[in-house]
């Protein structure tokens, strides 16, 4: 896969001030960018996991730890699915 590299400058003392190593800090930044893009509906969970450099399962688990919903449905789609489920339930009665 063709990849590009994004460089984000940050103060050298920032990771230490947050009690993290530079590697932990950079890993967290990658995750947060991927998580926000997923939360906004810009990328799928698989693509976000790829961006964060982790497996999809690990990405979804980390979302839960950050209290970010793993269910990324637009409200209109959720309403539609609820309506369909209600119709199916009424038909089976």
Protein backbone atom coordinates (compact mmCIF):
# COMPACT_ATOMS: atom_id res chain seq x y z
CA UNK A 1 0.00 0.00 0.00
CA UNK A 2 1.24 3.46 -0.88
CA UNK A 3 1.65 5.50 2.32
CA UNK A 4 2.46 9.11 3.03
CA UNK A 5 3.97 10.44 6.24
CA UNK A 6 2.56 13.33 8.25
CA UNK A 7 4.90 15.09 10.65
CA UNK A 8 3.41 16.88 13.64
CA UNK A 9 5.84 19.01 15.62
CA UNK A 10 5.36 19.13 19.39
CA UNK A 11 7.42 20.43 22.31
CA UNK A 12 10.07 17.87 23.29
CA UNK A 13 9.06 18.06 26.96
CA UNK A 14 5.33 17.45 26.35
CA UNK A 15 5.35 13.63 26.59
CA UNK A 16 7.29 13.76 29.87
CA UNK A 17 4.92 16.42 31.23
CA UNK A 18 2.07 13.99 30.49
CA UNK A 19 3.94 11.10 32.10
CA UNK A 20 4.49 9.27 28.81
CA UNK A 21 7.40 8.25 26.67
CA UNK A 22 7.68 9.92 23.25
CA UNK A 23 6.60 6.61 21.67
CA UNK A 24 3.50 6.36 23.90
CA UNK A 25 2.61 9.98 23.18
CA UNK A 26 2.95 9.55 19.41
CA UNK A 27 0.93 6.31 19.51
CA UNK A 28 -1.82 8.15 21.42
CA UNK A 29 -1.86 11.02 18.91
CA UNK A 30 -2.23 8.55 16.03
CA UNK A 31 -5.09 6.82 17.85
CA UNK A 32 -6.87 10.09 18.68
CA UNK A 33 -6.74 11.28 15.06
CA UNK A 34 -8.06 7.92 13.83
CA UNK A 35 -10.74 7.80 16.54
CA UNK A 36 -11.99 11.29 15.73
CA UNK A 37 -12.13 10.54 12.00
CA UNK A 38 -14.09 7.36 12.79
CA UNK A 39 -16.40 9.22 15.18
CA UNK A 40 -17.12 11.82 12.50
CA UNK A 41 -17.98 9.06 10.01
CA UNK A 42 -15.09 9.96 7.74
CA UNK A 43 -13.49 6.48 7.83
CA UNK A 44 -14.55 2.93 8.69
CA UNK A 45 -13.36 1.22 11.85
CA UNK A 46 -11.00 -0.92 9.78
CA UNK A 47 -9.46 2.09 8.07
CA UNK A 48 -9.20 3.95 11.38
CA UNK A 49 -7.46 0.96 12.94
CA UNK A 50 -5.03 0.91 10.02
CA UNK A 51 -4.35 4.63 10.53
CA UNK A 52 -3.78 4.06 14.26
CA UNK A 53 -1.46 1.15 13.52
CA UNK A 54 -3.45 -1.43 15.50
CA UNK A 55 -5.82 -4.31 14.80
CA UNK A 56 -9.52 -3.52 14.33
CA UNK A 57 -10.33 -5.37 17.57
CA UNK A 58 -7.74 -3.37 19.51
CA UNK A 59 -9.01 -0.13 17.97
CA UNK A 60 -12.62 -0.87 18.96
CA UNK A 61 -11.51 -1.83 22.47
CA UNK A 62 -9.56 1.41 22.81
CA UNK A 63 -12.60 3.39 21.63
CA UNK A 64 -14.57 1.91 24.50
CA UNK A 65 -11.87 2.88 26.98
CA UNK A 66 -12.05 6.45 25.71
CA UNK A 67 -15.86 6.41 25.93
CA UNK A 68 -16.24 6.80 22.18
CA UNK A 69 -19.14 4.79 20.81
CA UNK A 70 -18.18 1.90 18.56
CA UNK A 71 -21.58 2.27 16.91
CA UNK A 72 -21.10 4.84 14.21
CA UNK A 73 -24.60 5.14 12.77
CA UNK A 74 -26.12 8.39 11.57
CA UNK A 75 -29.35 9.06 13.48
CA UNK A 76 -31.42 8.70 10.29
CA UNK A 77 -29.98 5.22 9.64
CA UNK A 78 -30.59 4.17 13.23
CA UNK A 79 -34.21 5.38 13.02
CA UNK A 80 -34.66 3.43 9.79
CA UNK A 81 -33.27 0.24 11.33
CA UNK A 82 -35.48 0.60 14.41
CA UNK A 83 -38.51 1.04 12.16
CA UNK A 84 -37.61 -2.07 10.18
CA UNK A 85 -37.13 -4.09 13.37
CA UNK A 86 -40.54 -2.95 14.66
CA UNK A 87 -42.20 -3.95 11.37
CA UNK A 88 -40.56 -7.38 11.47
CA UNK A 89 -41.63 -7.85 15.09
CA UNK A 90 -45.24 -6.85 14.24
CA UNK A 91 -45.29 -9.27 11.27
CA UNK A 92 -44.14 -12.17 13.43
CA UNK A 93 -46.97 -11.68 15.97
